[in-house]
Amino acid sequence: GGKAKPLKAPKKKAPTEQDDEDQAYNLKKRADEKARKELAAKAGGKGPLNTGAQGIKKSGKK
């Protein structure tokens, strides 16, 4: 219900000043992301890796 809102143009971000610290942080973040992706790709071929999110899986055999 209600009226459809008109689409707003996204606000233009003013070019933010980046000091060396910010730049270093962003660089590190990108490197970490890349390393994580490579690791995931490397581990991808090994089959089901129990990541801990699902706890201990018990097989249904009795």
PDB file of N, CA and C in Angstrom:
ATOM      1  N   GLY A   1       0.817  -1.201   0.000  1.00  0.00           N
ATOM      2  CA  GLY A   1       0.000   0.000   0.000  1.00  0.00           C
ATOM      3  C   GLY A   1       0.846   1.244   0.000  1.00  0.00           C
ATOM      4  N   GLY A   2       0.163   2.362   0.002  1.00  0.00           N
ATOM      5  CA  GLY A   2       0.862   3.638   0.048  1.00  0.00           C
ATOM      6  C   GLY A   2       1.333   4.054  -1.316  1.00  0.00           C
ATOM      7  N   LYS A   3       1.843   5.260  -1.360  1.00  0.00           N
ATOM      8  CA  LYS A   3       2.306   5.812  -2.629  1.00  0.00           C
ATOM      9  C   LYS A   3       3.717   5.336  -2.928  1.00  0.00           C
ATOM     10  N   ALA A   4       3.999   5.041  -4.179  1.00  0.00           N
ATOM     11  CA  ALA A   4       5.353   4.645  -4.559  1.00  0.00           C
ATOM     12  C   ALA A   4       6.261   5.860  -4.442  1.00  0.00           C
ATOM     13  N   LYS A   5       7.378   5.670  -3.770  1.00  0.00           N
ATOM     14  CA  LYS A   5       8.303   6.798  -3.602  1.00  0.00           C
ATOM     15  C   LYS A   5       9.058   7.041  -4.899  1.00  0.00           C
ATOM     16  N   PRO A   6       9.264   8.290  -5.255  1.00  0.00           N
ATOM     17  CA  PRO A   6      10.065   8.563  -6.448  1.00  0.00           C
ATOM     18  C   PRO A   6      11.519   8.172  -6.202  1.00  0.00           C
ATOM     19  N   LEU A   7      12.157   7.677  -7.233  1.00  0.00           N
ATOM     20  CA  LEU A   7      13.549   7.267  -7.083  1.00  0.00           C
ATOM     21  C   LEU A   7      14.426   8.487  -6.897  1.00  0.00           C
ATOM     22  N   LYS A   8      15.249   8.426  -5.867  1.00  0.00           N
ATOM     23  CA  LYS A   8      16.163   9.542  -5.619  1.00  0.00           C
ATOM     24  C   LYS A   8      17.502   9.220  -6.261  1.00  0.00           C
ATOM     25  N   ALA A   9      18.121  10.246  -6.809  1.00  0.00           N
ATOM     26  CA  ALA A   9      19.467  10.056  -7.332  1.00  0.00           C
ATOM     27  C   ALA A   9      20.401   9.902  -6.138  1.00  0.00           C
ATOM     28  N   PRO A  10      21.329   8.938  -6.186  1.00  0.00           N
ATOM     29  CA  PRO A  10      22.242   8.763  -5.059  1.00  0.00           C
ATOM     30  C   PRO A  10      23.079  10.013  -4.835  1.00  0.00           C
ATOM     31  N   LYS A  11      23.291  10.321  -3.566  1.00  0.00           N
ATOM     32  CA  LYS A  11      24.047  11.528  -3.250  1.00  0.00           C
ATOM     33  C   LYS A  11      25.482  11.377  -3.725  1.00  0.00           C
ATOM     34  N   LYS A  12      26.001  12.420  -4.296  1.00  0.00           N
ATOM     35  CA  LYS A  12      27.400  12.408  -4.738  1.00  0.00           C
ATOM     36  C   LYS A  12      28.275  12.595  -3.502  1.00  0.00           C
ATOM     37  N   LYS A  13      29.192  11.684  -3.335  1.00  0.00           N
ATOM     38  CA  LYS A  13      30.093  11.797  -2.190  1.00  0.00           C
ATOM     39  C   LYS A  13      31.180  12.800  -2.513  1.00  0.00           C
ATOM     40  N   ALA A  14      31.414  13.690  -1.580  1.00  0.00           N
ATOM     41  CA  ALA A  14      32.514  14.630  -1.754  1.00  0.00           C
ATOM     42  C   ALA A  14      33.804  13.829  -1.653  1.00  0.00           C
ATOM     43  N   PRO A  15      34.770  14.132  -2.511  1.00  0.00           N
ATOM     44  CA  PRO A  15      36.024  13.371  -2.424  1.00  0.00           C
ATOM     45  C   PRO A  15      36.632  13.517  -1.035  1.00  0.00           C
ATOM     46  N   THR A  16      36.674  12.422  -0.303  1.00  0.00           N
ATOM     47  CA  THR A  16      37.142  12.493   1.078  1.00  0.00           C
ATOM     48  C   THR A  16      38.661  12.568   1.109  1.00  0.00           C
ATOM     49  N   GLU A  17      39.133  13.347   2.020  1.00  0.00           N
ATOM     50  CA  GLU A  17      40.582  13.467   2.199  1.00  0.00           C
ATOM     51  C   GLU A  17      41.085  12.186   2.855  1.00  0.00           C
ATOM     52  N   GLN A  18      42.097  11.598   2.275  1.00  0.00           N
ATOM     53  CA  GLN A  18      42.665  10.386   2.849  1.00  0.00           C
ATOM     54  C   GLN A  18      44.104  10.654   3.260  1.00  0.00           C
ATOM     55  N   ASP A  19      44.350  10.488   4.550  1.00  0.00           N
ATOM     56  CA  ASP A  19      45.745  10.616   4.950  1.00  0.00           C
ATOM     57  C   ASP A  19      46.420   9.253   4.791  1.00  0.00           C
ATOM     58  N   ASP A  20      47.703   9.225   5.071  1.00  0.00           N
ATOM     59  CA  ASP A  20      48.484   8.012   4.829  1.00  0.00           C
ATOM     60  C   ASP A  20      47.926   6.816   5.592  1.00  0.00           C
ATOM     61  N   GLU A  21      47.433   7.088   6.810  1.00  0.00           N
ATOM     62  CA  GLU A  21      46.928   6.009   7.647  1.00  0.00           C
ATOM     63  C   GLU A  21      45.742   5.327   6.973  1.00  0.00           C
ATOM     64  N   ASP A  22      44.809   6.149   6.474  1.00  0.00           N
ATOM     65  CA  ASP A  22      43.633   5.607   5.793  1.00  0.00           C
ATOM     66  C   ASP A  22      44.056   4.785   4.586  1.00  0.00           C
ATOM     67  N   GLN A  23      44.996   5.320   3.841  1.00  0.00           N
ATOM     68  CA  GLN A  23      45.443   4.640   2.634  1.00  0.00           C
ATOM     69  C   GLN A  23      46.065   3.286   2.983  1.00  0.00           C
ATOM     70  N   ALA A  24      46.889   3.287   4.025  1.00  0.00           N
ATOM     71  CA  ALA A  24      47.537   2.050   4.446  1.00  0.00           C
ATOM     72  C   ALA A  24      46.483   1.038   4.885  1.00  0.00           C
ATOM     73  N   TYR A  25      45.470   1.531   5.607  1.00  0.00           N
ATOM     74  CA  TYR A  25      44.408   0.651   6.094  1.00  0.00           C
ATOM     75  C   TYR A  25      43.666   0.015   4.923  1.00  0.00           C
ATOM     76  N   ASN A  26      43.305   0.832   3.942  1.00  0.00           N
ATOM     77  CA  ASN A  26      42.581   0.316   2.778  1.00  0.00           C
ATOM     78  C   ASN A  26      43.419  -0.693   2.008  1.00  0.00           C
ATOM     79  N   LEU A  27      44.706  -0.406   1.886  1.00  0.00           N
ATOM     80  CA  LEU A  27      45.599  -1.312   1.176  1.00  0.00           C
ATOM     81  C   LEU A  27      45.641  -2.664   1.880  1.00  0.00           C
ATOM     82  N   LYS A  28      45.769  -2.614   3.207  1.00  0.00           N
ATOM     83  CA  LYS A  28      45.844  -3.829   4.005  1.00  0.00           C
ATOM     84  C   LYS A  28      44.545  -4.615   3.875  1.00  0.00           C
ATOM     85  N   LYS A  29      43.425  -3.896   3.889  1.00  0.00           N
ATOM     86  CA  LYS A  29      42.123  -4.541   3.784  1.00  0.00           C
ATOM     87  C   LYS A  29      42.009  -5.290   2.465  1.00  0.00           C
ATOM     88  N   ARG A  30      42.456  -4.637   1.385  1.00  0.00           N
ATOM     89  CA  ARG A  30      42.386  -5.262   0.060  1.00  0.00           C
ATOM     90  C   ARG A  30      43.264  -6.508   0.008  1.00  0.00           C
ATOM     91  N   ALA A  31      44.458  -6.405   0.584  1.00  0.00           N
ATOM     92  CA  ALA A  31      45.380  -7.540   0.570  1.00  0.00           C
ATOM     93  C   ALA A  31      44.777  -8.713   1.342  1.00  0.00           C
ATOM     94  N   ASP A  32      44.172  -8.411   2.493  1.00  0.00           N
ATOM     95  CA  ASP A  32      43.548  -9.455   3.306  1.00  0.00           C
ATOM     96  C   ASP A  32      42.440 -10.144   2.524  1.00  0.00           C
ATOM     97  N   GLU A  33      41.630  -9.330   1.868  1.00  0.00           N
ATOM     98  CA  GLU A  33      40.505  -9.858   1.089  1.00  0.00           C
ATOM     99  C   GLU A  33      41.020 -10.802   0.004  1.00  0.00           C
ATOM    100  N   LYS A  34      42.089 -10.374  -0.680  1.00  0.00           N
ATOM    101  CA  LYS A  34      42.659 -11.169  -1.766  1.00  0.00           C
ATOM    102  C   LYS A  34      43.182 -12.499  -1.220  1.00  0.00           C
ATOM    103  N   ALA A  35      43.887 -12.428  -0.095  1.00  0.00           N
ATOM    104  CA  ALA A  35      44.442 -13.637   0.504  1.00  0.00           C
ATOM    105  C   ALA A  35      43.324 -14.595   0.896  1.00  0.00           C
ATOM    106  N   ARG A  36      42.250 -14.036   1.435  1.00  0.00           N
ATOM    107  CA  ARG A  36      41.132 -14.873   1.865  1.00  0.00           C
ATOM    108  C   ARG A  36      40.492 -15.574   0.671  1.00  0.00           C
ATOM    109  N   LYS A  37      40.361 -14.824  -0.433  1.00  0.00           N
ATOM    110  CA  LYS A  37      39.757 -15.406  -1.636  1.00  0.00           C
ATOM    111  C   LYS A  37      40.625 -16.543  -2.165  1.00  0.00           C
ATOM    112  N   GLU A  38      41.935 -16.325  -2.174  1.00  0.00           N
ATOM    113  CA  GLU A  38      42.847 -17.349  -2.676  1.00  0.00           C
ATOM    114  C   GLU A  38      42.771 -18.598  -1.810  1.00  0.00           C
ATOM    115  N   LEU A  39      42.715 -18.383  -0.497  1.00  0.00           N
ATOM    116  CA  LEU A  39      42.629 -19.501   0.430  1.00  0.00           C
ATOM    117  C   LEU A  39      41.355 -20.289   0.185  1.00  0.00           C
ATOM    118  N   ALA A  40      40.263 -19.574  -0.008  1.00  0.00           N
ATOM    119  CA  ALA A  40      38.973 -20.228  -0.237  1.00  0.00           C
ATOM    120  C   ALA A  40      39.019 -21.036  -1.527  1.00  0.00           C
ATOM    121  N   ALA A  41      39.655 -20.478  -2.545  1.00  0.00           N
ATOM    122  CA  ALA A  41      39.748 -21.168  -3.826  1.00  0.00           C
ATOM    123  C   ALA A  41      40.603 -22.432  -3.684  1.00  0.00           C
ATOM    124  N   LYS A  42      41.674 -22.318  -2.893  1.00  0.00           N
ATOM    125  CA  LYS A  42      42.570 -23.450  -2.700  1.00  0.00           C
ATOM    126  C   LYS A  42      41.847 -24.574  -1.961  1.00  0.00           C
ATOM    127  N   ALA A  43      41.063 -24.195  -0.946  1.00  0.00           N
ATOM    128  CA  ALA A  43      40.374 -25.185  -0.127  1.00  0.00           C
ATOM    129  C   ALA A  43      39.150 -25.737  -0.840  1.00  0.00           C
ATOM    130  N   GLY A  44      38.725 -25.058  -1.894  1.00  0.00           N
ATOM    131  CA  GLY A  44      37.489 -25.433  -2.569  1.00  0.00           C
ATOM    132  C   GLY A  44      37.488 -26.833  -3.153  1.00  0.00           C
ATOM    133  N   GLY A  45      38.645 -27.336  -3.573  1.00  0.00           N
ATOM    134  CA  GLY A  45      38.681 -28.622  -4.242  1.00  0.00           C
ATOM    135  C   GLY A  45      38.705 -29.815  -3.315  1.00  0.00           C
ATOM    136  N   LYS A  46      38.707 -29.570  -2.003  1.00  0.00           N
ATOM    137  CA  LYS A  46      38.928 -30.670  -1.070  1.00  0.00           C
ATOM    138  C   LYS A  46      37.660 -31.329  -0.547  1.00  0.00           C
ATOM    139  N   GLY A  47      36.491 -30.877  -1.000  1.00  0.00           N
ATOM    140  CA  GLY A  47      35.265 -31.474  -0.491  1.00  0.00           C
ATOM    141  C   GLY A  47      34.792 -30.754   0.756  1.00  0.00           C
ATOM    142  N   PRO A  48      33.839 -31.348   1.478  1.00  0.00           N
ATOM    143  CA  PRO A  48      33.202 -30.631   2.584  1.00  0.00           C
ATOM    144  C   PRO A  48      34.172 -30.397   3.732  1.00  0.00           C
ATOM    145  N   LEU A  49      34.498 -29.155   3.935  1.00  0.00           N
ATOM    146  CA  LEU A  49      35.359 -28.791   5.048  1.00  0.00           C
ATOM    147  C   LEU A  49      34.435 -28.355   6.167  1.00  0.00           C
ATOM    148  N   ASN A  50      34.542 -28.974   7.318  1.00  0.00           N
ATOM    149  CA  ASN A  50      33.659 -28.612   8.415  1.00  0.00           C
ATOM    150  C   ASN A  50      34.135 -27.290   8.984  1.00  0.00           C
ATOM    151  N   THR A  51      33.362 -26.241   8.765  1.00  0.00           N
ATOM    152  CA  THR A  51      33.812 -24.904   9.139  1.00  0.00           C
ATOM    153  C   THR A  51      33.497 -24.562  10.579  1.00  0.00           C
ATOM    154  N   GLY A  52      32.831 -25.440  11.305  1.00  0.00           N
ATOM    155  CA  GLY A  52      32.559 -25.157  12.703  1.00  0.00           C
ATOM    156  C   GLY A  52      31.228 -24.476  12.920  1.00  0.00           C
ATOM    157  N   ALA A  53      30.650 -23.914  11.864  1.00  0.00           N
ATOM    158  CA  ALA A  53      29.378 -23.225  12.024  1.00  0.00           C
ATOM    159  C   ALA A  53      28.263 -24.222  12.289  1.00  0.00           C
ATOM    160  N   GLN A  54      28.397 -25.431  11.752  1.00  0.00           N
ATOM    161  CA  GLN A  54      27.319 -26.390  11.890  1.00  0.00           C
ATOM    162  C   GLN A  54      27.531 -27.355  13.055  1.00  0.00           C
ATOM    163  N   GLY A  55      28.592 -27.185  13.817  1.00  0.00           N
ATOM    164  CA  GLY A  55      28.836 -28.062  14.950  1.00  0.00           C
ATOM    165  C   GLY A  55      29.279 -29.438  14.482  1.00  0.00           C
ATOM    166  N   ILE A  56      29.168 -30.415  15.346  1.00  0.00           N
ATOM    167  CA  ILE A  56      29.583 -31.768  14.992  1.00  0.00           C
ATOM    168  C   ILE A  56      28.435 -32.460  14.268  1.00  0.00           C
ATOM    169  N   LYS A  57      28.712 -32.918  13.075  1.00  0.00           N
ATOM    170  CA  LYS A  57      27.692 -33.629  12.311  1.00  0.00           C
ATOM    171  C   LYS A  57      27.799 -35.107  12.649  1.00  0.00           C
ATOM    172  N   LYS A  58      26.669 -35.703  13.024  1.00  0.00           N
ATOM    173  CA  LYS A  58      26.663 -37.137  13.284  1.00  0.00           C
ATOM    174  C   LYS A  58      26.093 -37.834  12.070  1.00  0.00           C
ATOM    175  N   SER A  59      26.682 -38.953  11.710  1.00  0.00           N
ATOM    176  CA  SER A  59      26.140 -39.687  10.573  1.00  0.00           C
ATOM    177  C   SER A  59      24.859 -40.369  11.029  1.00  0.00           C
ATOM    178  N   GLY A  60      23.976 -40.637  10.089  1.00  0.00           N
ATOM    179  CA  GLY A  60      22.678 -41.203  10.438  1.00  0.00           C
ATOM    180  C   GLY A  60      22.708 -42.698  10.698  1.00  0.00           C
ATOM    181  N   LYS A  61      23.863 -43.327  10.638  1.00  0.00           N
ATOM    182  CA  LYS A  61      23.957 -44.778  10.822  1.00  0.00           C
ATOM    183  C   LYS A  61      23.741 -45.142  12.284  1.00  0.00           C
ATOM    184  N   LYS A  62      23.123 -46.306  12.482  1.00  0.00           N
ATOM    185  CA  LYS A  62      22.938 -46.778  13.862  1.00  0.00           C
ATOM    186  C   LYS A  62      23.441 -48.201  13.985  1.00  0.00           C
TER     187      LYS A  62
END
